[in-house]
């Protein structure tokens, strides 16, 4: 997977849905990830850490593979796995308070 992503851009699509009084609300976030060229010895060393073994895209942007990412265009939290801005927006639309203010 990393050999394929090396030196290229790819898209990560992450969806979230919230069901509640406002019905089923959903959002899909697309983030463009641009990877630098990754040397074969780096791919081998990364695999040896065990980190990529259970990752859908073959790498963890929030982990050791962060050094392979040249830049992203879009939502970092969506690449990690949960688009926080969109999730907060959907929860708010369902009437879920996002902040618990003491004394209220």
Protein backbone atom coordinates (compact mmCIF):
# COMPACT_ATOMS: atom_id res chain seq x y z
CA UNK A 1 0.00 0.00 0.00
CA UNK A 2 2.74 2.49 0.91
CA UNK A 3 4.58 1.73 -2.31
CA UNK A 4 1.43 2.71 -4.19
CA UNK A 5 0.93 5.90 -2.14
CA UNK A 6 4.60 6.95 -2.26
CA UNK A 7 5.11 10.23 -4.12
CA UNK A 8 1.43 10.57 -4.91
CA UNK A 9 -1.76 12.19 -3.68
CA UNK A 10 -4.80 10.21 -2.62
CA UNK A 11 -8.20 10.97 -1.18
CA UNK A 12 -9.50 9.79 2.19
CA UNK A 13 -13.31 9.75 2.47
CA UNK A 14 -14.79 9.57 5.96
CA UNK A 15 -18.50 9.54 6.74
CA UNK A 16 -20.40 10.14 9.96
CA UNK A 17 -24.13 9.87 10.71
CA UNK A 18 -26.19 10.93 13.72
CA UNK A 19 -29.79 9.86 14.32
CA UNK A 20 -32.05 11.88 16.61
CA UNK A 21 -35.00 14.26 16.79
CA UNK A 22 -33.97 15.94 13.52
CA UNK A 23 -33.92 12.56 11.75
CA UNK A 24 -30.87 10.90 10.24
CA UNK A 25 -28.18 13.47 9.50
CA UNK A 26 -24.99 12.57 7.73
CA UNK A 27 -21.83 14.09 6.35
CA UNK A 28 -19.05 12.80 4.14
CA UNK A 29 -15.65 14.49 4.26
CA UNK A 30 -13.02 14.23 1.55
CA UNK A 31 -9.42 15.02 2.43
CA UNK A 32 -6.54 15.01 -0.03
CA UNK A 33 -3.31 13.57 1.37
CA UNK A 34 -0.04 14.19 -0.47
CA UNK A 35 2.75 11.74 0.38
CA UNK A 36 6.43 12.35 -0.24
CA UNK A 37 8.55 9.72 -1.97
CA UNK A 38 9.07 6.92 0.54
CA UNK A 39 12.24 4.85 0.28
CA UNK A 40 11.98 1.06 0.33
CA UNK A 41 13.98 0.82 3.56
CA UNK A 42 11.52 3.27 5.20
CA UNK A 43 8.55 1.14 4.14
CA UNK A 44 10.24 -1.98 5.52
CA UNK A 45 11.14 -0.24 8.79
CA UNK A 46 7.61 1.15 9.17
CA UNK A 47 6.06 -2.27 8.59
CA UNK A 48 8.38 -3.75 11.21
CA UNK A 49 6.89 -1.42 13.85
CA UNK A 50 3.54 -3.20 13.52
CA UNK A 51 1.69 0.12 13.33
CA UNK A 52 0.29 -0.25 9.80
CA UNK A 53 -0.97 -3.83 10.22
CA UNK A 54 -4.52 -2.87 11.24
CA UNK A 55 -4.91 0.39 9.31
CA UNK A 56 -7.41 0.55 6.46
CA UNK A 57 -5.12 2.74 4.36
CA UNK A 58 -1.90 1.05 5.41
CA UNK A 59 -0.66 3.94 7.54
CA UNK A 60 -1.54 6.02 10.59
CA UNK A 61 -1.26 9.74 9.92
CA UNK A 62 -1.34 10.38 13.68
CA UNK A 63 1.51 7.94 14.26
CA UNK A 64 4.93 7.19 12.87
CA UNK A 65 3.79 7.59 9.26
CA UNK A 66 3.29 11.32 9.82
CA UNK A 67 6.84 11.77 8.46
CA UNK A 68 5.66 10.45 5.07
CA UNK A 69 2.92 13.08 4.68
CA UNK A 70 4.03 16.16 2.80
CA UNK A 71 0.71 17.95 3.35
CA UNK A 72 -3.03 17.53 3.53
CA UNK A 73 -5.87 19.51 2.02
CA UNK A 74 -8.92 19.12 4.21
CA UNK A 75 -9.67 17.61 7.60
CA UNK A 76 -6.88 16.02 9.64
CA UNK A 77 -9.36 14.52 12.11
CA UNK A 78 -11.24 12.85 9.25
CA UNK A 79 -8.04 11.11 8.13
CA UNK A 80 -7.45 9.96 11.72
CA UNK A 81 -10.95 8.50 11.69
CA UNK A 82 -13.65 10.90 12.96
CA UNK A 83 -14.33 14.26 11.33
CA UNK A 84 -14.71 16.33 14.49
CA UNK A 85 -16.06 19.55 12.98
CA UNK A 86 -18.74 17.72 11.01
CA UNK A 87 -19.62 15.47 13.96
CA UNK A 88 -20.03 18.48 16.27
CA UNK A 89 -22.20 20.20 13.67
CA UNK A 90 -24.48 17.16 13.31
CA UNK A 91 -24.76 16.74 17.09
CA UNK A 92 -25.62 20.41 17.49
CA UNK A 93 -28.33 20.09 14.83
CA UNK A 94 -29.76 17.21 16.88
CA UNK A 95 -29.92 19.44 19.96
CA UNK A 96 -26.98 17.85 21.75
CA UNK A 97 -25.12 20.46 23.81
CA UNK A 98 -21.45 20.59 22.88
CA UNK A 99 -20.33 22.31 26.07
CA UNK A 100 -21.31 21.46 29.60
CA UNK A 101 -21.35 24.76 31.47
CA UNK A 102 -21.06 24.38 35.24
CA UNK A 103 -24.05 25.71 37.19
CA UNK A 104 -26.53 25.28 34.39
